[in-house]
N, C-alpha and C. Protein backbone atom coordinates (compact mmCIF):
# COMPACT_ATOMS: atom_id res chain seq x y z
N MET A 1 0.82 -1.19 0.00
CA MET A 1 0.00 0.00 0.00
C MET A 1 0.86 1.26 0.00
N SER A 2 2.14 1.15 0.40
CA SER A 2 3.00 2.33 0.42
C SER A 2 3.24 2.85 -0.99
N LYS A 3 3.27 1.96 -1.99
CA LYS A 3 3.37 2.40 -3.38
C LYS A 3 2.17 3.27 -3.74
N TYR A 4 1.02 2.89 -3.22
CA TYR A 4 -0.22 3.62 -3.48
C TYR A 4 -0.10 5.07 -3.00
N PHE A 5 0.49 5.25 -1.81
CA PHE A 5 0.64 6.60 -1.27
C PHE A 5 1.68 7.39 -2.04
N THR A 6 2.73 6.72 -2.52
CA THR A 6 3.73 7.40 -3.34
C THR A 6 3.10 7.91 -4.62
N VAL A 7 2.29 7.05 -5.27
CA VAL A 7 1.61 7.46 -6.49
C VAL A 7 0.62 8.58 -6.19
N ALA A 8 -0.11 8.47 -5.09
CA ALA A 8 -1.08 9.51 -4.72
C ALA A 8 -0.38 10.84 -4.48
N ALA A 9 0.75 10.80 -3.80
CA ALA A 9 1.50 12.04 -3.53
C ALA A 9 2.00 12.65 -4.84
N ALA A 10 2.49 11.82 -5.74
CA ALA A 10 2.98 12.33 -7.02
C ALA A 10 1.84 12.95 -7.83
N LEU A 11 0.70 12.29 -7.84
CA LEU A 11 -0.45 12.84 -8.58
C LEU A 11 -0.92 14.16 -7.98
N ALA A 12 -0.96 14.25 -6.67
CA ALA A 12 -1.38 15.49 -6.03
C ALA A 12 -0.40 16.61 -6.33
N LEU A 13 0.89 16.29 -6.30
CA LEU A 13 1.89 17.31 -6.61
C LEU A 13 1.75 17.79 -8.05
N LEU A 14 1.60 16.85 -8.98
CA LEU A 14 1.43 17.24 -10.37
C LEU A 14 0.17 18.08 -10.57
N THR A 15 -0.91 17.69 -9.90
CA THR A 15 -2.15 18.47 -9.99
C THR A 15 -1.92 19.88 -9.49
N ALA A 16 -1.26 20.00 -8.35
CA ALA A 16 -1.01 21.33 -7.78
C ALA A 16 -0.13 22.17 -8.68
N LEU A 17 0.81 21.54 -9.37
CA LEU A 17 1.71 22.29 -10.25
C LEU A 17 1.00 22.84 -11.48
N PHE A 18 -0.04 22.17 -11.91
CA PHE A 18 -0.72 22.59 -13.12
C PHE A 18 -1.99 23.40 -12.88
N VAL A 19 -2.30 23.71 -11.64
CA VAL A 19 -3.45 24.56 -11.33
C VAL A 19 -3.06 26.00 -11.66
N PRO A 20 -3.93 26.75 -12.31
CA PRO A 20 -3.59 28.13 -12.65
C PRO A 20 -3.19 28.94 -11.43
N VAL A 21 -2.22 29.82 -11.61
CA VAL A 21 -1.71 30.65 -10.51
C VAL A 21 -2.82 31.50 -9.92
N SER A 22 -3.74 31.98 -10.73
CA SER A 22 -4.82 32.83 -10.22
C SER A 22 -5.69 32.07 -9.22
N VAL A 23 -5.89 30.77 -9.45
CA VAL A 23 -6.68 29.97 -8.52
C VAL A 23 -5.88 29.77 -7.24
N ALA A 24 -4.59 29.45 -7.37
CA ALA A 24 -3.77 29.22 -6.18
C ALA A 24 -3.69 30.45 -5.30
N SER A 25 -3.60 31.63 -5.89
CA SER A 25 -3.47 32.83 -5.09
C SER A 25 -4.75 33.15 -4.31
N GLU A 26 -5.89 32.65 -4.75
CA GLU A 26 -7.14 32.89 -4.06
C GLU A 26 -7.23 32.12 -2.75
N THR A 27 -6.47 31.04 -2.62
CA THR A 27 -6.59 30.19 -1.44
C THR A 27 -5.51 30.44 -0.41
N GLY A 28 -4.58 31.35 -0.67
CA GLY A 28 -3.51 31.65 0.27
C GLY A 28 -2.23 30.94 -0.11
N SER A 29 -1.37 30.72 0.90
CA SER A 29 -0.12 30.03 0.63
C SER A 29 0.11 28.97 1.68
N GLY A 30 1.04 28.09 1.43
CA GLY A 30 1.33 27.00 2.35
C GLY A 30 0.76 25.68 1.85
N GLN A 31 1.04 24.64 2.63
CA GLN A 31 0.63 23.30 2.22
C GLN A 31 -0.89 23.12 2.21
N ILE A 32 -1.56 23.68 3.19
CA ILE A 32 -3.02 23.58 3.21
C ILE A 32 -3.60 24.27 1.98
N ALA A 33 -3.09 25.44 1.64
CA ALA A 33 -3.57 26.15 0.46
C ALA A 33 -3.34 25.33 -0.80
N ASP A 34 -2.20 24.65 -0.88
CA ASP A 34 -1.94 23.81 -2.04
C ASP A 34 -2.94 22.66 -2.13
N LEU A 35 -3.20 22.02 -0.99
CA LEU A 35 -4.17 20.93 -0.97
C LEU A 35 -5.57 21.43 -1.34
N VAL A 36 -5.96 22.57 -0.76
CA VAL A 36 -7.28 23.14 -1.04
C VAL A 36 -7.41 23.51 -2.52
N THR A 37 -6.38 24.10 -3.08
CA THR A 37 -6.42 24.47 -4.49
C THR A 37 -6.63 23.23 -5.37
N ALA A 38 -5.85 22.19 -5.12
CA ALA A 38 -5.98 20.96 -5.91
C ALA A 38 -7.35 20.32 -5.67
N TRP A 39 -7.81 20.31 -4.41
CA TRP A 39 -9.12 19.74 -4.08
C TRP A 39 -10.24 20.48 -4.81
N ASN A 40 -10.19 21.79 -4.77
CA ASN A 40 -11.25 22.57 -5.42
C ASN A 40 -11.21 22.44 -6.94
N GLU A 41 -10.05 22.20 -7.50
CA GLU A 41 -9.95 21.96 -8.95
C GLU A 41 -10.67 20.68 -9.33
N VAL A 42 -10.36 19.59 -8.63
CA VAL A 42 -11.03 18.32 -8.92
C VAL A 42 -12.50 18.39 -8.52
N GLY A 43 -12.77 18.95 -7.35
CA GLY A 43 -14.16 19.08 -6.90
C GLY A 43 -15.01 19.90 -7.85
N GLY A 44 -14.43 20.98 -8.37
CA GLY A 44 -15.16 21.81 -9.33
C GLY A 44 -15.52 21.04 -10.59
N LYS A 45 -14.62 20.17 -11.03
CA LYS A 45 -14.91 19.34 -12.21
C LYS A 45 -16.04 18.36 -11.92
N LEU A 46 -16.03 17.79 -10.71
CA LEU A 46 -17.09 16.85 -10.34
C LEU A 46 -18.44 17.57 -10.24
N VAL A 47 -18.45 18.76 -9.66
CA VAL A 47 -19.69 19.54 -9.57
C VAL A 47 -20.20 19.87 -10.98
N ALA A 48 -19.30 20.30 -11.85
CA ALA A 48 -19.69 20.64 -13.22
C ALA A 48 -20.31 19.43 -13.92
N MET A 49 -19.73 18.26 -13.70
CA MET A 49 -20.29 17.03 -14.30
C MET A 49 -21.66 16.72 -13.72
N ALA A 50 -21.78 16.83 -12.39
CA ALA A 50 -23.05 16.53 -11.74
C ALA A 50 -24.15 17.45 -12.27
N GLU A 51 -23.82 18.71 -12.48
CA GLU A 51 -24.80 19.67 -12.99
C GLU A 51 -25.12 19.46 -14.47
N ASP A 52 -24.13 19.01 -15.23
CA ASP A 52 -24.25 18.95 -16.68
C ASP A 52 -24.86 17.65 -17.21
N PHE A 53 -24.55 16.53 -16.60
CA PHE A 53 -24.97 15.23 -17.14
C PHE A 53 -26.50 15.14 -17.12
N PRO A 54 -27.11 14.64 -18.19
CA PRO A 54 -28.58 14.56 -18.24
C PRO A 54 -29.16 13.68 -17.12
N GLU A 55 -30.19 14.18 -16.49
CA GLU A 55 -30.78 13.45 -15.37
C GLU A 55 -31.29 12.07 -15.80
N ASP A 56 -31.78 11.95 -17.02
CA ASP A 56 -32.28 10.65 -17.47
C ASP A 56 -31.16 9.63 -17.68
N LYS A 57 -29.91 10.07 -17.57
CA LYS A 57 -28.77 9.16 -17.69
C LYS A 57 -28.05 8.96 -16.34
N TYR A 58 -28.60 9.50 -15.27
CA TYR A 58 -27.96 9.37 -13.96
C TYR A 58 -27.85 7.92 -13.50
N ASP A 59 -28.71 7.06 -13.98
CA ASP A 59 -28.65 5.64 -13.60
C ASP A 59 -27.94 4.80 -14.65
N TYR A 60 -27.24 5.47 -15.57
CA TYR A 60 -26.44 4.76 -16.57
C TYR A 60 -25.29 4.04 -15.89
N ARG A 61 -25.08 2.80 -16.31
CA ARG A 61 -24.00 1.96 -15.77
C ARG A 61 -23.39 1.26 -16.98
N PRO A 62 -22.09 1.48 -17.25
CA PRO A 62 -21.45 0.90 -18.42
C PRO A 62 -21.49 -0.63 -18.46
N THR A 63 -21.33 -1.27 -17.32
CA THR A 63 -21.43 -2.73 -17.21
C THR A 63 -22.13 -3.04 -15.89
N PRO A 64 -22.70 -4.22 -15.78
CA PRO A 64 -23.44 -4.55 -14.55
C PRO A 64 -22.60 -4.50 -13.27
N GLU A 65 -21.27 -4.64 -13.40
CA GLU A 65 -20.41 -4.73 -12.22
C GLU A 65 -20.04 -3.39 -11.61
N VAL A 66 -20.31 -2.29 -12.29
CA VAL A 66 -19.83 -0.99 -11.81
C VAL A 66 -20.97 -0.10 -11.35
N ARG A 67 -20.61 0.96 -10.65
CA ARG A 67 -21.59 1.92 -10.15
C ARG A 67 -22.22 2.70 -11.30
N THR A 68 -23.42 3.19 -11.04
CA THR A 68 -24.06 4.10 -11.99
C THR A 68 -23.38 5.47 -11.89
N PHE A 69 -23.70 6.36 -12.82
CA PHE A 69 -23.17 7.72 -12.76
C PHE A 69 -23.50 8.35 -11.41
N ALA A 70 -24.76 8.25 -11.00
CA ALA A 70 -25.19 8.83 -9.71
C ALA A 70 -24.44 8.19 -8.55
N GLU A 71 -24.29 6.87 -8.57
CA GLU A 71 -23.60 6.18 -7.49
C GLU A 71 -22.13 6.58 -7.41
N GLN A 72 -21.51 6.84 -8.57
CA GLN A 72 -20.12 7.32 -8.57
C GLN A 72 -20.03 8.65 -7.83
N LEU A 73 -20.92 9.58 -8.16
CA LEU A 73 -20.91 10.89 -7.51
C LEU A 73 -21.15 10.76 -6.01
N LEU A 74 -22.11 9.93 -5.63
CA LEU A 74 -22.42 9.74 -4.22
C LEU A 74 -21.28 9.05 -3.48
N HIS A 75 -20.55 8.18 -4.17
CA HIS A 75 -19.39 7.53 -3.56
C HIS A 75 -18.30 8.56 -3.26
N VAL A 76 -18.02 9.43 -4.22
CA VAL A 76 -16.98 10.45 -4.00
C VAL A 76 -17.40 11.38 -2.87
N ALA A 77 -18.66 11.81 -2.88
CA ALA A 77 -19.14 12.69 -1.82
C ALA A 77 -19.04 11.99 -0.46
N GLY A 78 -19.49 10.76 -0.39
CA GLY A 78 -19.45 10.02 0.87
C GLY A 78 -18.04 9.76 1.36
N SER A 79 -17.14 9.48 0.44
CA SER A 79 -15.77 9.18 0.86
C SER A 79 -15.08 10.41 1.46
N THR A 80 -15.51 11.60 1.07
CA THR A 80 -14.96 12.81 1.70
C THR A 80 -15.24 12.78 3.20
N TYR A 81 -16.44 12.38 3.58
CA TYR A 81 -16.79 12.29 5.00
C TYR A 81 -16.09 11.11 5.67
N PHE A 82 -15.87 10.05 4.91
CA PHE A 82 -15.12 8.89 5.40
C PHE A 82 -13.71 9.32 5.81
N PHE A 83 -13.02 10.05 4.89
CA PHE A 83 -11.66 10.51 5.17
C PHE A 83 -11.64 11.54 6.31
N ALA A 84 -12.62 12.41 6.34
CA ALA A 84 -12.69 13.40 7.42
C ALA A 84 -12.87 12.70 8.77
N GLY A 85 -13.67 11.66 8.81
CA GLY A 85 -13.85 10.89 10.03
C GLY A 85 -12.54 10.28 10.50
N LEU A 86 -11.77 9.75 9.56
CA LEU A 86 -10.46 9.20 9.92
C LEU A 86 -9.56 10.29 10.50
N ALA A 87 -9.59 11.47 9.88
CA ALA A 87 -8.76 12.59 10.36
C ALA A 87 -9.15 12.99 11.77
N LYS A 88 -10.41 12.86 12.11
CA LYS A 88 -10.89 13.22 13.44
C LYS A 88 -10.67 12.10 14.46
N GLY A 89 -10.17 10.95 13.99
CA GLY A 89 -9.96 9.82 14.89
C GLY A 89 -11.22 9.02 15.14
N GLU A 90 -12.24 9.25 14.34
CA GLU A 90 -13.51 8.53 14.49
C GLU A 90 -13.48 7.25 13.66
N THR A 91 -14.32 6.32 14.04
CA THR A 91 -14.53 5.15 13.19
C THR A 91 -15.48 5.59 12.09
N PRO A 92 -14.99 5.62 10.86
CA PRO A 92 -15.84 6.14 9.79
C PRO A 92 -17.00 5.21 9.47
N GLY A 93 -18.05 5.82 8.99
CA GLY A 93 -19.22 5.05 8.57
C GLY A 93 -19.07 4.59 7.13
N GLU A 94 -20.18 4.41 6.48
CA GLU A 94 -20.19 3.97 5.09
C GLU A 94 -19.51 5.00 4.20
N GLU A 95 -18.83 4.50 3.17
CA GLU A 95 -18.18 5.38 2.21
C GLU A 95 -19.16 6.00 1.23
N ASP A 96 -20.21 5.29 0.90
CA ASP A 96 -21.14 5.75 -0.13
C ASP A 96 -22.38 6.39 0.48
N LEU A 97 -22.77 7.53 -0.06
CA LEU A 97 -24.08 8.08 0.30
C LEU A 97 -25.12 7.26 -0.45
N SER A 98 -26.27 7.06 0.15
CA SER A 98 -27.28 6.15 -0.38
C SER A 98 -28.06 6.75 -1.55
N ARG A 99 -28.16 5.98 -2.62
CA ARG A 99 -28.96 6.40 -3.79
C ARG A 99 -30.44 6.47 -3.40
N GLU A 100 -30.85 5.66 -2.45
CA GLU A 100 -32.24 5.70 -2.00
C GLU A 100 -32.57 7.03 -1.32
N LYS A 101 -31.58 7.62 -0.66
CA LYS A 101 -31.79 8.90 0.01
C LYS A 101 -31.70 10.07 -0.97
N TYR A 102 -30.81 9.97 -1.93
CA TYR A 102 -30.59 11.03 -2.92
C TYR A 102 -31.17 10.56 -4.24
N LYS A 103 -32.43 10.88 -4.45
CA LYS A 103 -33.18 10.32 -5.59
C LYS A 103 -33.09 11.16 -6.86
N THR A 104 -32.96 12.47 -6.73
CA THR A 104 -33.00 13.33 -7.91
C THR A 104 -31.62 13.90 -8.23
N LYS A 105 -31.50 14.38 -9.44
CA LYS A 105 -30.27 15.04 -9.84
C LYS A 105 -29.99 16.23 -8.92
N ALA A 106 -31.00 17.02 -8.63
CA ALA A 106 -30.82 18.21 -7.78
C ALA A 106 -30.28 17.82 -6.41
N GLU A 107 -30.78 16.73 -5.83
CA GLU A 107 -30.30 16.28 -4.52
C GLU A 107 -28.85 15.81 -4.59
N ILE A 108 -28.50 15.14 -5.67
CA ILE A 108 -27.13 14.65 -5.83
C ILE A 108 -26.18 15.81 -6.08
N VAL A 109 -26.57 16.75 -6.92
CA VAL A 109 -25.73 17.94 -7.16
C VAL A 109 -25.48 18.66 -5.83
N ALA A 110 -26.52 18.84 -5.04
CA ALA A 110 -26.37 19.52 -3.75
C ALA A 110 -25.43 18.74 -2.82
N ALA A 111 -25.53 17.42 -2.83
CA ALA A 111 -24.66 16.59 -1.98
C ALA A 111 -23.20 16.71 -2.42
N VAL A 112 -22.95 16.72 -3.73
CA VAL A 112 -21.58 16.84 -4.23
C VAL A 112 -21.02 18.22 -3.89
N LYS A 113 -21.81 19.26 -4.10
CA LYS A 113 -21.36 20.63 -3.77
C LYS A 113 -21.02 20.74 -2.28
N LYS A 114 -21.88 20.17 -1.44
CA LYS A 114 -21.65 20.23 0.00
C LYS A 114 -20.39 19.46 0.38
N ALA A 115 -20.19 18.30 -0.22
CA ALA A 115 -19.00 17.50 0.09
C ALA A 115 -17.73 18.23 -0.32
N VAL A 116 -17.75 18.90 -1.46
CA VAL A 116 -16.57 19.65 -1.90
C VAL A 116 -16.29 20.79 -0.92
N ALA A 117 -17.33 21.53 -0.55
CA ALA A 117 -17.15 22.64 0.41
C ALA A 117 -16.70 22.11 1.77
N ASP A 118 -17.31 21.02 2.22
CA ASP A 118 -16.93 20.44 3.51
C ASP A 118 -15.51 19.89 3.46
N GLY A 119 -15.12 19.30 2.33
CA GLY A 119 -13.75 18.80 2.18
C GLY A 119 -12.74 19.92 2.37
N GLU A 120 -13.02 21.07 1.75
CA GLU A 120 -12.13 22.22 1.93
C GLU A 120 -12.09 22.64 3.40
N ALA A 121 -13.25 22.70 4.03
CA ALA A 121 -13.31 23.11 5.44
C ALA A 121 -12.54 22.13 6.33
N PHE A 122 -12.66 20.82 6.06
CA PHE A 122 -11.94 19.82 6.85
C PHE A 122 -10.43 20.04 6.71
N MET A 123 -9.98 20.29 5.48
CA MET A 123 -8.54 20.49 5.25
C MET A 123 -8.05 21.75 5.95
N ARG A 124 -8.81 22.83 5.82
CA ARG A 124 -8.41 24.09 6.46
C ARG A 124 -8.39 23.95 7.98
N LYS A 125 -9.33 23.20 8.52
CA LYS A 125 -9.39 23.01 9.98
C LYS A 125 -8.15 22.28 10.49
N SER A 126 -7.58 21.41 9.67
CA SER A 126 -6.36 20.70 10.06
C SER A 126 -5.25 21.69 10.37
N GLY A 127 -5.17 22.76 9.57
CA GLY A 127 -4.09 23.73 9.74
C GLY A 127 -2.75 23.13 9.35
N GLU A 128 -1.79 23.99 9.14
CA GLU A 128 -0.46 23.54 8.72
C GLU A 128 0.12 22.54 9.73
N GLY A 129 -0.05 22.83 11.02
CA GLY A 129 0.49 21.93 12.05
C GLY A 129 -0.19 20.58 12.09
N GLY A 130 -1.45 20.54 11.74
CA GLY A 130 -2.19 19.29 11.77
C GLY A 130 -1.80 18.31 10.70
N LEU A 131 -1.10 18.78 9.67
CA LEU A 131 -0.73 17.90 8.57
C LEU A 131 0.23 16.79 8.98
N GLU A 132 0.96 17.00 10.07
CA GLU A 132 1.90 15.98 10.54
C GLU A 132 1.26 15.02 11.54
N ARG A 133 0.02 15.31 11.93
CA ARG A 133 -0.68 14.45 12.89
C ARG A 133 -0.81 13.04 12.31
N SER A 134 -0.70 12.05 13.16
CA SER A 134 -0.78 10.66 12.76
C SER A 134 -2.24 10.22 12.63
N VAL A 135 -2.53 9.49 11.56
CA VAL A 135 -3.88 8.99 11.31
C VAL A 135 -3.79 7.50 11.01
N LYS A 136 -4.66 6.73 11.61
CA LYS A 136 -4.70 5.28 11.38
C LYS A 136 -5.73 4.98 10.31
N LEU A 137 -5.27 4.34 9.24
CA LEU A 137 -6.17 3.90 8.17
C LEU A 137 -6.58 2.46 8.45
N PRO A 138 -7.84 2.11 8.25
CA PRO A 138 -8.29 0.75 8.55
C PRO A 138 -7.58 -0.33 7.75
N TRP A 139 -7.06 0.00 6.59
CA TRP A 139 -6.45 -0.99 5.71
C TRP A 139 -4.91 -0.97 5.76
N GLU A 140 -4.34 -0.17 6.63
CA GLU A 140 -2.89 -0.07 6.76
C GLU A 140 -2.45 -0.45 8.17
N GLU A 141 -1.28 -1.08 8.27
CA GLU A 141 -0.74 -1.39 9.59
C GLU A 141 -0.13 -0.15 10.23
N LYS A 142 0.66 0.58 9.45
CA LYS A 142 1.32 1.78 9.96
C LYS A 142 0.42 3.00 9.77
N PRO A 143 0.42 3.91 10.73
CA PRO A 143 -0.33 5.15 10.53
C PRO A 143 0.33 6.02 9.46
N VAL A 144 -0.43 6.93 8.92
CA VAL A 144 0.07 7.90 7.93
C VAL A 144 -0.14 9.29 8.51
N THR A 145 0.42 10.28 7.85
CA THR A 145 0.17 11.65 8.28
C THR A 145 -1.17 12.11 7.74
N GLU A 146 -1.71 13.14 8.36
CA GLU A 146 -2.96 13.70 7.87
C GLU A 146 -2.76 14.25 6.45
N ARG A 147 -1.58 14.75 6.16
CA ARG A 147 -1.27 15.21 4.79
C ARG A 147 -1.49 14.07 3.80
N SER A 148 -0.97 12.89 4.13
CA SER A 148 -1.14 11.72 3.25
C SER A 148 -2.61 11.36 3.10
N LEU A 149 -3.36 11.50 4.18
CA LEU A 149 -4.79 11.21 4.14
C LEU A 149 -5.50 12.14 3.15
N TRP A 150 -5.20 13.45 3.21
CA TRP A 150 -5.86 14.39 2.29
C TRP A 150 -5.40 14.19 0.86
N ILE A 151 -4.14 13.81 0.68
CA ILE A 151 -3.66 13.51 -0.67
C ILE A 151 -4.39 12.27 -1.21
N LEU A 152 -4.59 11.29 -0.35
CA LEU A 152 -5.33 10.10 -0.76
C LEU A 152 -6.77 10.46 -1.15
N ASN A 153 -7.40 11.32 -0.37
CA ASN A 153 -8.76 11.77 -0.68
C ASN A 153 -8.78 12.49 -2.04
N LEU A 154 -7.82 13.35 -2.27
CA LEU A 154 -7.72 14.07 -3.53
C LEU A 154 -7.51 13.12 -4.69
N GLU A 155 -6.60 12.19 -4.53
CA GLU A 155 -6.31 11.22 -5.58
C GLU A 155 -7.54 10.36 -5.86
N HIS A 156 -8.24 9.96 -4.81
CA HIS A 156 -9.45 9.15 -4.94
C HIS A 156 -10.52 9.89 -5.75
N ALA A 157 -10.72 11.17 -5.44
CA ALA A 157 -11.70 11.96 -6.18
C ALA A 157 -11.29 12.09 -7.65
N GLY A 158 -9.98 12.25 -7.89
CA GLY A 158 -9.49 12.33 -9.27
C GLY A 158 -9.70 11.04 -10.04
N GLU A 159 -9.55 9.90 -9.37
CA GLU A 159 -9.81 8.61 -10.03
C GLU A 159 -11.27 8.54 -10.49
N HIS A 160 -12.16 8.95 -9.63
CA HIS A 160 -13.58 8.87 -9.99
C HIS A 160 -13.97 9.92 -11.02
N TYR A 161 -13.30 11.05 -11.02
CA TYR A 161 -13.50 12.01 -12.11
C TYR A 161 -13.16 11.32 -13.44
N GLY A 162 -12.05 10.61 -13.46
CA GLY A 162 -11.66 9.88 -14.67
C GLY A 162 -12.69 8.83 -15.07
N ASN A 163 -13.25 8.13 -14.08
CA ASN A 163 -14.31 7.17 -14.39
C ASN A 163 -15.49 7.86 -15.06
N LEU A 164 -15.86 9.01 -14.52
CA LEU A 164 -17.04 9.72 -15.04
C LEU A 164 -16.81 10.29 -16.43
N VAL A 165 -15.56 10.61 -16.76
CA VAL A 165 -15.25 11.04 -18.13
C VAL A 165 -15.63 9.92 -19.10
N VAL A 166 -15.33 8.68 -18.73
CA VAL A 166 -15.68 7.54 -19.58
C VAL A 166 -17.19 7.43 -19.73
N TYR A 167 -17.94 7.64 -18.65
CA TYR A 167 -19.41 7.58 -18.72
C TYR A 167 -19.91 8.62 -19.73
N TYR A 168 -19.34 9.81 -19.67
CA TYR A 168 -19.69 10.86 -20.63
C TYR A 168 -19.45 10.38 -22.05
N ARG A 169 -18.23 9.93 -22.31
CA ARG A 169 -17.84 9.54 -23.68
C ARG A 169 -18.67 8.38 -24.19
N LEU A 170 -18.98 7.41 -23.33
CA LEU A 170 -19.80 6.28 -23.76
C LEU A 170 -21.22 6.71 -24.12
N ASN A 171 -21.64 7.85 -23.62
CA ASN A 171 -22.97 8.39 -23.94
C ASN A 171 -22.90 9.44 -25.04
N GLY A 172 -21.74 9.59 -25.68
CA GLY A 172 -21.59 10.52 -26.78
C GLY A 172 -21.59 11.98 -26.35
N ILE A 173 -21.21 12.24 -25.10
CA ILE A 173 -21.22 13.60 -24.56
C ILE A 173 -19.78 14.01 -24.23
N VAL A 174 -19.44 15.24 -24.53
CA VAL A 174 -18.13 15.77 -24.20
C VAL A 174 -18.18 16.32 -22.77
N PRO A 175 -17.26 15.88 -21.91
CA PRO A 175 -17.27 16.37 -20.53
C PRO A 175 -17.05 17.89 -20.47
N PRO A 176 -17.61 18.55 -19.47
CA PRO A 176 -17.49 20.02 -19.37
C PRO A 176 -16.06 20.55 -19.43
N ALA A 177 -15.12 19.89 -18.76
CA ALA A 177 -13.73 20.38 -18.74
C ALA A 177 -13.08 20.28 -20.12
N SER A 178 -13.58 19.40 -20.98
CA SER A 178 -13.03 19.23 -22.32
C SER A 178 -13.63 20.22 -23.32
N ARG A 179 -14.63 20.93 -22.91
CA ARG A 179 -15.29 21.90 -23.82
C ARG A 179 -14.62 23.26 -23.80
N ARG A 180 -13.72 23.50 -22.87
CA ARG A 180 -13.11 24.81 -22.73
C ARG A 180 -12.23 25.14 -23.91
């Protein structure tokens, strides 16, 4: 699993390096600002997709084994709270928000927007000093730093953004970030 964190750290660093300077300057400076900038970049893309994808395709699933478009969004939103729970030292609950609870596109869009905003708030609350705090992951023997936890959350959201790009393309739709 340590390879996983190395890859996650590299991806987060690359993401932060390619974020426009104007966006980075809006969030301040320091490691938290870098994490928040990268988080808001990926989160903004997920929100744009949630708002843009046709509601009648929200239950589209490319193969029977994978999540629907809506379930992907709810998974990313839910995992933000999962990671925040770990950062707080809590036993996290379910990773996925329930499709039964979030029935409409509007409800899912609102949940994704809230998770992105809450993710930023969780990172900012850590503060620069909190980034070195030790966090125990359920699937790891050794604890990681809170910085690693937020990088993992960022990388995880980016993976699902990539999944959703495929959902767009399979439906003959160009993703919002590709239209610029």
